[in-house]
C-alpha atoms as a PDB file:
ATOM      1  CA  UNK A   1      -9.689  -9.489  -5.128  1.00  0.00           C
ATOM      2  CA  UNK A   2      -8.874 -13.184  -5.227  1.00  0.00           C
ATOM      3  CA  UNK A   3     -11.363 -15.400  -7.033  1.00  0.00           C
ATOM      4  CA  UNK A   4     -14.255 -13.048  -6.264  1.00  0.00           C
ATOM      5  CA  UNK A   5     -13.425 -12.833  -2.542  1.00  0.00           C
ATOM      6  CA  UNK A   6     -12.465  -9.463  -1.039  1.00  0.00           C
ATOM      7  CA  UNK A   7      -9.925  -9.269   1.793  1.00  0.00           C
ATOM      8  CA  UNK A   8      -9.342  -6.185   3.948  1.00  0.00           C
ATOM      9  CA  UNK A   9      -6.059  -5.543   5.738  1.00  0.00           C
ATOM     10  CA  UNK A  10      -4.802  -2.744   7.973  1.00  0.00           C
ATOM     11  CA  UNK A  11      -1.115  -2.024   8.510  1.00  0.00           C
ATOM     12  CA  UNK A  12      -0.218   0.110  11.522  1.00  0.00           C
ATOM     13  CA  UNK A  13       2.450   2.657  10.600  1.00  0.00           C
ATOM     14  CA  UNK A  14       3.698   3.961  13.940  1.00  0.00           C
ATOM     15  CA  UNK A  15       6.765   5.863  12.706  1.00  0.00           C
ATOM     16  CA  UNK A  16       6.925   8.526   9.983  1.00  0.00           C
ATOM     17  CA  UNK A  17       9.233   8.010   6.992  1.00  0.00           C
ATOM     18  CA  UNK A  18       9.735   4.328   7.831  1.00  0.00           C
ATOM     19  CA  UNK A  19       9.121   1.577   5.275  1.00  0.00           C
ATOM     20  CA  UNK A  20       6.303  -0.894   5.916  1.00  0.00           C
ATOM     21  CA  UNK A  21       5.176  -3.719   3.648  1.00  0.00           C
ATOM     22  CA  UNK A  22       2.285  -5.936   2.660  1.00  0.00           C
ATOM     23  CA  UNK A  23       2.629  -9.156   0.631  1.00  0.00           C
ATOM     24  CA  UNK A  24       0.003  -9.704  -2.060  1.00  0.00           C
ATOM     25  CA  UNK A  25      -1.234 -13.284  -2.466  1.00  0.00           C
ATOM     26  CA  UNK A  26      -0.940 -15.077  -5.799  1.00  0.00           C
ATOM     27  CA  UNK A  27      -4.134 -14.805  -7.826  1.00  0.00           C
ATOM     28  CA  UNK A  28      -4.942 -11.265  -6.672  1.00  0.00           C
ATOM     29  CA  UNK A  29      -6.461  -9.292  -9.542  1.00  0.00           C
ATOM     30  CA  UNK A  30      -7.093  -5.891  -7.971  1.00  0.00           C
ATOM     31  CA  UNK A  31      -5.731  -3.807  -5.058  1.00  0.00           C
ATOM     32  CA  UNK A  32      -6.893  -0.550  -3.481  1.00  0.00           C
ATOM     33  CA  UNK A  33      -4.542   1.122  -1.009  1.00  0.00           C
ATOM     34  CA  UNK A  34      -5.048   4.319   1.031  1.00  0.00           C
ATOM     35  CA  UNK A  35      -4.305   5.967   4.358  1.00  0.00           C
ATOM     36  CA  UNK A  36      -7.163   6.020   6.831  1.00  0.00           C
ATOM     37  CA  UNK A  37      -8.767   9.472   7.164  1.00  0.00           C
ATOM     38  CA  UNK A  38      -5.680  11.681   7.398  1.00  0.00           C
ATOM     39  CA  UNK A  39      -4.111  14.561   5.556  1.00  0.00           C
ATOM     40  CA  UNK A  40      -0.827  12.715   5.090  1.00  0.00           C
ATOM     41  CA  UNK A  41       0.778  11.752   1.793  1.00  0.00           C
ATOM     42  CA  UNK A  42       2.345   8.346   1.294  1.00  0.00           C
ATOM     43  CA  UNK A  43       5.035   6.887  -0.935  1.00  0.00           C
ATOM     44  CA  UNK A  44       4.510   3.546  -2.684  1.00  0.00           C
ATOM     45  CA  UNK A  45       7.153   1.276  -4.200  1.00  0.00           C
ATOM     46  CA  UNK A  46       7.386  -2.320  -5.396  1.00  0.00           C
ATOM     47  CA  UNK A  47      11.059  -2.727  -4.427  1.00  0.00           C
ATOM     48  CA  UNK A  48      12.333  -3.424  -0.900  1.00  0.00           C
ATOM     49  CA  UNK A  49      14.198  -0.438   0.524  1.00  0.00           C
ATOM     50  CA  UNK A  50      13.134   1.875  -2.310  1.00  0.00           C
ATOM     51  CA  UNK A  51      10.031   3.556  -0.825  1.00  0.00           C
ATOM     52  CA  UNK A  52      12.217   6.578  -0.074  1.00  0.00           C
ATOM     53  CA  UNK A  53      14.093   6.708  -3.401  1.00  0.00           C
ATOM     54  CA  UNK A  54      12.116   5.042  -6.233  1.00  0.00           C
ATOM     55  CA  UNK A  55       8.430   5.547  -5.516  1.00  0.00           C
ATOM     56  CA  UNK A  56       5.140   7.112  -6.519  1.00  0.00           C
ATOM     57  CA  UNK A  57       3.684   9.769  -4.214  1.00  0.00           C
ATOM     58  CA  UNK A  58       0.008   9.386  -3.380  1.00  0.00           C
ATOM     59  CA  UNK A  59      -1.471  12.758  -2.371  1.00  0.00           C
ATOM     60  CA  UNK A  60      -3.300  13.278   0.928  1.00  0.00           C
ATOM     61  CA  UNK A  61      -6.875  11.977   0.983  1.00  0.00           C
ATOM     62  CA  UNK A  62      -6.277   9.934  -2.183  1.00  0.00           C
ATOM     63  CA  UNK A  63      -5.990   6.250  -2.968  1.00  0.00           C
ATOM     64  CA  UNK A  64      -4.105   4.074  -5.440  1.00  0.00           C
ATOM     65  CA  UNK A  65      -5.893   1.350  -7.367  1.00  0.00           C
ATOM     66  CA  UNK A  66      -3.890  -1.372  -9.078  1.00  0.00           C
ATOM     67  CA  UNK A  67      -5.890  -3.497 -11.531  1.00  0.00           C
ATOM     68  CA  UNK A  68      -5.329  -6.405 -13.884  1.00  0.00           C
ATOM     69  CA  UNK A  69      -2.389  -7.696 -11.828  1.00  0.00           C
ATOM     70  CA  UNK A  70      -0.188 -10.308 -13.483  1.00  0.00           C
ATOM     71  CA  UNK A  71       2.435 -12.360 -11.703  1.00  0.00           C
ATOM     72  CA  UNK A  72       3.049 -13.645  -8.197  1.00  0.00           C
ATOM     73  CA  UNK A  73       5.165 -12.673  -5.233  1.00  0.00           C
ATOM     74  CA  UNK A  74       4.250  -8.987  -5.344  1.00  0.00           C
ATOM     75  CA  UNK A  75       4.917  -6.989  -2.192  1.00  0.00           C
ATOM     76  CA  UNK A  76       3.882  -3.382  -1.643  1.00  0.00           C
ATOM     77  CA  UNK A  77       6.350  -1.156   0.217  1.00  0.00           C
ATOM     78  CA  UNK A  78       5.115   2.145   1.587  1.00  0.00           C
ATOM     79  CA  UNK A  79       5.757   4.915   4.080  1.00  0.00           C
ATOM     80  CA  UNK A  80       3.861   7.925   5.346  1.00  0.00           C
ATOM     81  CA  UNK A  81       4.971  11.485   5.878  1.00  0.00           C
ATOM     82  CA  UNK A  82       3.303  11.411   9.331  1.00  0.00           C
ATOM     83  CA  UNK A  83       3.529   8.978  12.270  1.00  0.00           C
ATOM     84  CA  UNK A  84       0.619   7.010  13.741  1.00  0.00           C
ATOM     85  CA  UNK A  85      -1.066   6.186  10.428  1.00  0.00           C
ATOM     86  CA  UNK A  86      -3.055   3.166   9.284  1.00  0.00           C
ATOM     87  CA  UNK A  87      -2.714   1.877   5.742  1.00  0.00           C
ATOM     88  CA  UNK A  88      -5.950   0.343   4.483  1.00  0.00           C
ATOM     89  CA  UNK A  89      -5.562  -2.339   1.828  1.00  0.00           C
ATOM     90  CA  UNK A  90      -8.379  -4.012  -0.085  1.00  0.00           C
ATOM     91  CA  UNK A  91      -7.451  -7.040  -2.173  1.00  0.00           C
END
């Protein structure tokens, strides 16, 4: 959420085990990230190229909420265990 305004974004993840990213705008205070209606897990990292080595695993049918964000220039890096997924991001 940025200044009380909610933004929704969808990132198409066509290939399994491939890193995708989403840049978070300065001033964002809260993020919710999840895969759209699948049984796939996903890996989340805050470092480019690390979503396969230094990451947190989000279980299937779960989401990750990040609150009270401080700082600017944050980018989320993520990948799914299955191809043809859509990452849903609410900021």
